[in-house]
N, C-alpha and C. Protein backbone atom coordinates (compact mmCIF):
# COMPACT_ATOMS: atom_id res chain seq x y z
N MET A 1 -114.14 25.98 44.04
CA MET A 1 -113.98 25.20 43.43
C MET A 1 -115.71 24.67 43.19
N LYS A 2 -116.42 24.69 42.23
CA LYS A 2 -117.80 23.73 43.06
C LYS A 2 -117.57 22.58 42.60
N ILE A 3 -117.48 22.10 42.92
CA ILE A 3 -118.61 20.30 42.50
C ILE A 3 -119.53 19.94 43.02
N LEU A 4 -120.09 19.47 42.24
CA LEU A 4 -121.23 17.61 41.94
C LEU A 4 -121.06 17.25 42.96
N LEU A 5 -121.87 16.32 42.82
CA LEU A 5 -121.54 14.76 44.43
C LEU A 5 -122.67 14.68 43.33
N ALA A 6 -123.08 13.11 43.29
CA ALA A 6 -123.76 12.35 43.39
C ALA A 6 -123.30 10.81 44.21
N GLU A 7 -123.79 10.34 45.09
CA GLU A 7 -124.28 9.72 46.39
C GLU A 7 -125.05 9.60 46.24
N ASP A 8 -125.43 7.88 46.06
CA ASP A 8 -126.66 7.88 47.15
C ASP A 8 -127.26 7.82 48.50
N ASP A 9 -125.41 7.91 48.41
CA ASP A 9 -125.59 7.13 50.74
C ASP A 9 -126.02 8.36 51.39
N LEU A 10 -127.07 7.76 52.15
CA LEU A 10 -127.01 9.77 52.72
C LEU A 10 -125.45 9.38 53.75
N LEU A 11 -124.98 8.67 54.27
CA LEU A 11 -124.02 8.89 55.42
C LEU A 11 -122.76 9.53 54.78
N THR A 12 -122.91 8.38 53.61
CA THR A 12 -122.21 8.00 51.94
C THR A 12 -121.42 9.72 52.52
N ARG A 13 -122.27 10.56 51.51
CA ARG A 13 -123.13 11.21 51.05
C ARG A 13 -122.91 12.70 52.12
N LYS A 14 -123.68 12.67 53.31
CA LYS A 14 -122.92 13.59 54.32
C LYS A 14 -121.56 13.78 54.91
N SER A 15 -120.88 12.64 55.17
CA SER A 15 -119.13 12.72 55.33
C SER A 15 -118.44 13.36 53.65
N LEU A 16 -119.12 13.17 52.40
CA LEU A 16 -117.47 13.60 51.81
C LEU A 16 -118.62 15.43 51.68
N THR A 17 -119.69 15.37 51.47
CA THR A 17 -120.02 16.52 51.64
C THR A 17 -119.95 17.57 52.95
N TYR A 18 -118.73 17.14 54.04
CA TYR A 18 -118.11 17.62 55.14
C TYR A 18 -116.45 17.67 54.84
N PHE A 19 -115.94 17.25 54.82
CA PHE A 19 -115.03 16.57 54.42
C PHE A 19 -114.35 17.77 52.99
N LEU A 20 -115.34 17.49 52.24
CA LEU A 20 -114.60 18.97 51.14
C LEU A 20 -115.07 20.62 51.65
N GLU A 21 -115.89 20.08 51.96
CA GLU A 21 -116.78 21.28 52.34
C GLU A 21 -115.46 22.70 53.90
N SER A 22 -114.90 21.25 54.36
CA SER A 22 -113.80 21.54 55.55
C SER A 22 -112.50 22.24 54.37
N LYS A 23 -112.68 21.75 52.82
CA LYS A 23 -111.59 22.35 52.90
C LYS A 23 -111.72 23.16 51.20
N LYS A 24 -112.67 23.90 51.94
CA LYS A 24 -113.49 25.64 50.94
C LYS A 24 -113.98 24.31 49.32
N TYR A 25 -114.60 23.43 49.45
CA TYR A 25 -114.66 23.63 48.14
C TYR A 25 -116.71 23.58 48.34
N GLU A 26 -116.82 23.73 47.30
CA GLU A 26 -118.45 24.32 47.03
C GLU A 26 -119.15 22.90 47.28
N VAL A 27 -120.08 22.68 47.22
CA VAL A 27 -120.50 21.41 47.04
C VAL A 27 -122.30 21.07 47.31
N ILE A 28 -121.99 20.38 45.94
CA ILE A 28 -123.56 20.17 45.54
C ILE A 28 -124.36 19.51 44.60
N HIS A 29 -125.13 18.55 46.16
CA HIS A 29 -124.63 17.27 46.26
C HIS A 29 -126.24 17.26 45.32
N ALA A 30 -126.20 15.36 44.24
CA ALA A 30 -127.54 14.77 44.41
C ALA A 30 -127.75 13.92 45.26
N SER A 31 -128.79 12.32 45.50
CA SER A 31 -128.52 11.38 45.92
C SER A 31 -129.47 10.76 44.63
N ASP A 32 -129.34 10.75 43.71
CA ASP A 32 -129.57 10.09 42.36
C ASP A 32 -128.54 10.52 41.17
N GLY A 33 -129.00 10.40 40.03
CA GLY A 33 -128.57 9.90 38.90
C GLY A 33 -129.45 11.25 38.02
N GLU A 34 -130.29 10.66 38.41
CA GLU A 34 -131.21 11.33 37.63
C GLU A 34 -131.43 13.23 37.98
N ILE A 35 -131.74 13.36 39.02
CA ILE A 35 -131.30 14.43 39.94
C ILE A 35 -130.05 15.03 39.27
N ALA A 36 -128.87 14.67 39.36
CA ALA A 36 -127.44 14.76 39.08
C ALA A 36 -127.88 15.98 37.49
N LEU A 37 -128.51 15.51 37.28
CA LEU A 37 -129.40 15.31 35.84
C LEU A 37 -129.33 16.64 35.31
N ASP A 38 -130.75 16.26 35.63
CA ASP A 38 -131.19 17.93 36.08
C ASP A 38 -130.18 19.15 36.52
N LEU A 39 -129.42 18.71 37.83
CA LEU A 39 -128.66 20.21 37.71
C LEU A 39 -127.56 20.32 37.17
N LEU A 40 -126.71 19.55 36.00
CA LEU A 40 -126.11 19.59 35.42
C LEU A 40 -126.15 20.30 34.35
N ARG A 41 -127.62 20.44 34.11
CA ARG A 41 -128.31 21.02 32.83
C ARG A 41 -128.65 22.39 33.31
N SER A 42 -128.24 22.80 35.35
CA SER A 42 -129.30 24.35 35.07
C SER A 42 -127.82 24.47 36.19
N GLN A 43 -126.30 24.23 36.20
CA GLN A 43 -125.59 25.10 36.23
C GLN A 43 -124.80 24.35 35.74
N SER A 44 -122.93 24.95 36.61
CA SER A 44 -122.16 24.55 35.29
C SER A 44 -121.11 24.11 37.31
N PHE A 45 -120.10 23.15 36.45
CA PHE A 45 -119.08 22.86 37.81
C PHE A 45 -118.17 22.33 37.55
N ASP A 46 -116.88 23.01 37.64
CA ASP A 46 -115.54 22.70 38.23
C ASP A 46 -114.80 20.95 38.88
N LEU A 47 -116.31 20.29 38.70
CA LEU A 47 -116.01 19.23 39.08
C LEU A 47 -116.64 18.19 39.28
N ILE A 48 -117.07 16.48 38.89
CA ILE A 48 -117.74 15.51 39.36
C ILE A 48 -117.30 14.46 39.97
N ILE A 49 -117.86 14.93 41.17
CA ILE A 49 -117.36 13.58 41.83
C ILE A 49 -119.72 11.76 41.53
N THR A 50 -119.04 11.19 41.27
CA THR A 50 -119.77 10.22 41.41
C THR A 50 -120.16 9.18 41.13
N ASP A 51 -120.85 8.41 42.91
CA ASP A 51 -120.73 6.74 42.75
C ASP A 51 -121.35 6.24 41.11
N LEU A 52 -121.19 5.56 41.15
CA LEU A 52 -121.33 4.16 39.84
C LEU A 52 -122.82 3.52 40.33
N ASN A 53 -122.95 3.22 41.78
CA ASN A 53 -124.26 2.46 42.29
C ASN A 53 -125.52 3.39 42.86
N MET A 54 -126.51 3.77 41.48
CA MET A 54 -127.72 5.06 42.22
C MET A 54 -127.99 4.95 41.23
N PRO A 55 -129.88 4.85 42.61
CA PRO A 55 -130.86 4.59 41.30
C PRO A 55 -131.90 5.27 39.96
N LYS A 56 -132.61 5.04 39.35
CA LYS A 56 -132.48 6.41 38.17
C LYS A 56 -131.41 6.11 37.58
N ILE A 57 -130.27 6.68 37.45
CA ILE A 57 -129.61 7.27 36.14
C ILE A 57 -127.55 6.24 37.52
N GLY A 58 -127.64 5.96 36.37
CA GLY A 58 -126.62 4.97 36.80
C GLY A 58 -125.09 6.30 36.68
N GLY A 59 -124.06 5.13 37.19
CA GLY A 59 -122.99 6.23 37.35
C GLY A 59 -122.15 6.10 35.94
N LEU A 60 -121.73 5.33 35.38
CA LEU A 60 -121.91 5.35 33.90
C LEU A 60 -122.43 5.68 32.98
N GLN A 61 -124.08 5.23 33.35
CA GLN A 61 -124.58 6.48 31.66
C GLN A 61 -124.94 7.98 32.09
N LEU A 62 -124.60 8.16 34.02
CA LEU A 62 -124.62 9.22 33.85
C LEU A 62 -123.32 10.41 33.38
N ILE A 63 -121.73 9.31 33.11
CA ILE A 63 -121.19 10.23 32.59
C ILE A 63 -121.12 10.22 31.83
N ASP A 64 -121.53 9.51 30.41
CA ASP A 64 -121.98 8.75 29.23
C ASP A 64 -122.50 10.02 28.42
N ILE A 65 -124.14 10.16 29.41
CA ILE A 65 -124.58 11.02 29.40
C ILE A 65 -123.32 13.09 28.75
N ILE A 66 -123.17 12.94 29.94
CA ILE A 66 -122.43 14.04 30.59
C ILE A 66 -121.86 15.00 29.06
N ARG A 67 -120.58 13.59 28.79
CA ARG A 67 -119.93 13.38 27.90
C ARG A 67 -120.13 14.15 25.80
N THR A 68 -120.82 12.35 25.90
CA THR A 68 -122.32 12.50 24.58
C THR A 68 -122.90 13.52 24.30
N GLU A 69 -124.25 13.96 25.11
CA GLU A 69 -125.75 14.69 25.23
C GLU A 69 -124.60 16.16 25.81
N LEU A 70 -124.93 16.45 26.88
CA LEU A 70 -124.46 17.62 27.52
C LEU A 70 -122.56 17.85 26.86
N SER A 71 -121.90 16.86 26.39
CA SER A 71 -120.76 17.21 25.55
C SER A 71 -118.66 18.69 26.35
N LEU A 72 -119.48 18.26 27.93
CA LEU A 72 -119.23 18.48 29.23
C LEU A 72 -117.93 17.95 29.02
N GLU A 73 -116.51 18.08 28.96
CA GLU A 73 -115.56 17.76 29.80
C GLU A 73 -115.55 18.34 30.25
N THR A 74 -115.86 18.59 31.98
CA THR A 74 -116.17 18.91 33.41
C THR A 74 -115.21 17.23 34.06
N PRO A 75 -114.12 17.89 34.51
CA PRO A 75 -113.55 16.27 34.95
C PRO A 75 -113.99 15.72 36.39
N VAL A 76 -114.40 13.76 36.38
CA VAL A 76 -115.44 12.80 36.37
C VAL A 76 -115.16 12.27 37.30
N ILE A 77 -114.74 11.87 39.34
CA ILE A 77 -114.13 11.32 39.96
C ILE A 77 -115.61 10.31 39.86
N VAL A 78 -114.74 9.59 39.82
CA VAL A 78 -115.84 7.30 39.95
C VAL A 78 -115.52 7.25 41.78
N LEU A 79 -116.48 6.64 42.58
CA LEU A 79 -116.16 6.33 43.40
C LEU A 79 -117.55 4.75 43.43
N THR A 80 -116.01 4.41 43.57
CA THR A 80 -117.60 2.59 43.99
C THR A 80 -116.62 1.63 44.64
N ALA A 81 -118.14 1.37 44.68
CA ALA A 81 -117.22 0.07 46.35
C ALA A 81 -116.92 -1.07 44.77
N SER A 82 -117.09 -1.92 44.43
CA SER A 82 -116.49 -2.61 43.47
C SER A 82 -115.18 -2.32 42.42
N GLY A 83 -114.77 -4.22 43.41
CA GLY A 83 -113.48 -4.60 43.01
C GLY A 83 -113.11 -4.27 41.90
N VAL A 84 -114.53 -4.85 40.99
CA VAL A 84 -114.09 -5.66 39.37
C VAL A 84 -113.05 -4.35 38.87
N GLU A 85 -111.86 -5.03 38.46
CA GLU A 85 -110.98 -4.45 37.15
C GLU A 85 -111.56 -4.32 36.14
N GLN A 86 -112.82 -4.52 35.23
CA GLN A 86 -113.53 -4.59 34.50
C GLN A 86 -115.07 -2.59 33.89
N THR A 87 -114.85 -2.45 35.21
CA THR A 87 -115.65 -1.48 36.01
C THR A 87 -114.76 -0.45 35.90
N GLU A 88 -113.12 -0.08 36.47
CA GLU A 88 -112.55 0.92 35.83
C GLU A 88 -112.16 0.85 34.71
N LEU A 89 -112.38 0.01 33.86
CA LEU A 89 -111.83 0.47 32.29
C LEU A 89 -113.05 0.89 31.67
N ASP A 90 -114.68 0.78 31.93
CA ASP A 90 -115.34 1.05 31.10
C ASP A 90 -115.44 1.98 31.85
N ALA A 91 -114.71 2.90 33.05
CA ALA A 91 -115.77 3.60 33.38
C ALA A 91 -114.87 4.89 32.60
N PHE A 92 -113.52 4.70 32.20
CA PHE A 92 -112.19 5.34 32.13
C PHE A 92 -112.84 5.39 29.92
N ALA A 93 -113.11 4.09 30.07
CA ALA A 93 -113.63 4.31 27.93
C ALA A 93 -114.25 5.19 28.42
N ILE A 94 -115.48 5.22 29.27
CA ILE A 94 -116.86 6.64 28.01
C ILE A 94 -116.69 8.00 28.97
N GLY A 95 -115.49 7.88 29.66
CA GLY A 95 -115.78 9.96 30.08
C GLY A 95 -114.74 9.79 31.73
N ALA A 96 -114.26 8.61 31.98
CA ALA A 96 -114.00 9.35 33.23
C ALA A 96 -113.16 9.54 33.47
N SER A 97 -112.11 10.71 34.49
CA SER A 97 -111.17 11.72 34.29
C SER A 97 -110.76 10.81 35.78
N GLU A 98 -111.10 10.03 36.91
CA GLU A 98 -110.43 9.70 38.00
C GLU A 98 -111.27 8.14 38.54
N PHE A 99 -110.76 7.35 39.30
CA PHE A 99 -111.18 6.26 39.99
C PHE A 99 -110.75 5.19 41.11
N ILE A 100 -111.77 6.28 41.77
CA ILE A 100 -111.62 5.94 43.74
C ILE A 100 -112.11 4.80 43.73
N SER A 101 -111.35 3.38 44.58
CA SER A 101 -112.20 1.95 45.14
C SER A 101 -112.82 2.76 46.64
N LYS A 102 -113.53 2.41 46.94
CA LYS A 102 -114.79 2.54 48.01
C LYS A 102 -113.98 1.28 49.00
N PRO A 103 -113.69 1.27 50.67
CA PRO A 103 -113.61 2.60 51.03
C PRO A 103 -111.96 3.12 50.60
N PHE A 104 -112.24 4.58 50.53
CA PHE A 104 -110.83 5.34 50.24
C PHE A 104 -110.42 6.72 51.52
N SER A 105 -108.92 7.03 51.15
CA SER A 105 -108.96 7.86 53.18
C SER A 105 -109.13 9.46 52.17
N PRO A 106 -109.84 10.45 52.36
CA PRO A 106 -110.61 11.50 52.08
C PRO A 106 -109.07 12.78 51.32
N SER A 107 -107.77 12.26 52.64
CA SER A 107 -106.16 12.44 51.86
C SER A 107 -106.06 12.07 50.00
N VAL A 108 -106.64 11.22 49.68
CA VAL A 108 -106.39 10.57 48.89
C VAL A 108 -107.77 11.39 47.21
N LEU A 109 -108.17 11.39 47.75
CA LEU A 109 -109.68 12.09 46.87
C LEU A 109 -109.16 14.13 47.05
N ASN A 110 -108.99 14.19 47.90
CA ASN A 110 -108.01 14.79 47.58
C ASN A 110 -107.09 15.37 46.79
N MET A 111 -105.94 14.48 47.17
CA MET A 111 -104.91 14.96 45.73
C MET A 111 -105.86 14.60 44.62
N ARG A 112 -106.63 14.02 44.72
CA ARG A 112 -106.91 14.16 42.87
C ARG A 112 -108.07 14.85 42.26
N ILE A 113 -108.76 14.54 43.41
CA ILE A 113 -109.12 16.57 43.12
C ILE A 113 -108.17 18.22 42.42
N GLN A 114 -107.17 18.07 43.16
CA GLN A 114 -105.76 18.19 42.72
C GLN A 114 -105.37 18.80 41.89
N ARG A 115 -105.04 17.39 42.30
CA ARG A 115 -104.03 16.76 40.34
C ARG A 115 -105.37 17.96 38.96
N LEU A 116 -106.56 17.39 38.59
CA LEU A 116 -107.97 17.79 38.29
C LEU A 116 -107.60 18.78 38.00
N VAL A 117 -108.06 19.09 38.84
CA VAL A 117 -108.54 21.48 39.38
C VAL A 117 -107.62 21.71 39.89
N PRO A 118 -106.41 22.42 39.04
CA PRO A 118 -105.20 22.94 40.20
C PRO A 118 -106.05 24.45 40.66
N GLN A 119 -105.61 24.45 41.56
CA GLN A 119 -106.96 26.05 42.23
C GLN A 119 -105.19 26.82 42.75
N GLU A 120 -105.06 28.42 42.67
CA GLU A 120 -104.64 29.10 42.03
C GLU A 120 -103.97 29.21 42.89
């Protein structure tokens, strides 16, 4: 499975990449929403994991572009440190598939991934 990980925090990006690769997922990462968008225009992914608060293009705007301009139905998992309920509602309203608040257990992330993109 090929995953796009859009996360601006280097430590979080590295730890998530390490975890996901240990589960045998192929991970391509982007440090901001603009890079993520460029990657989405040039490659196909089975799953997108995005932080909400990123430079240039934030996670909500990225999801909106994924769903409207690119017309992609790729599942999107949102990660955020924001515990605001309205943020979660906004993410689902524009097309997020899952929403996980930081901090979270890697096993929770893996469970959500497997639920969204079942492996054969």
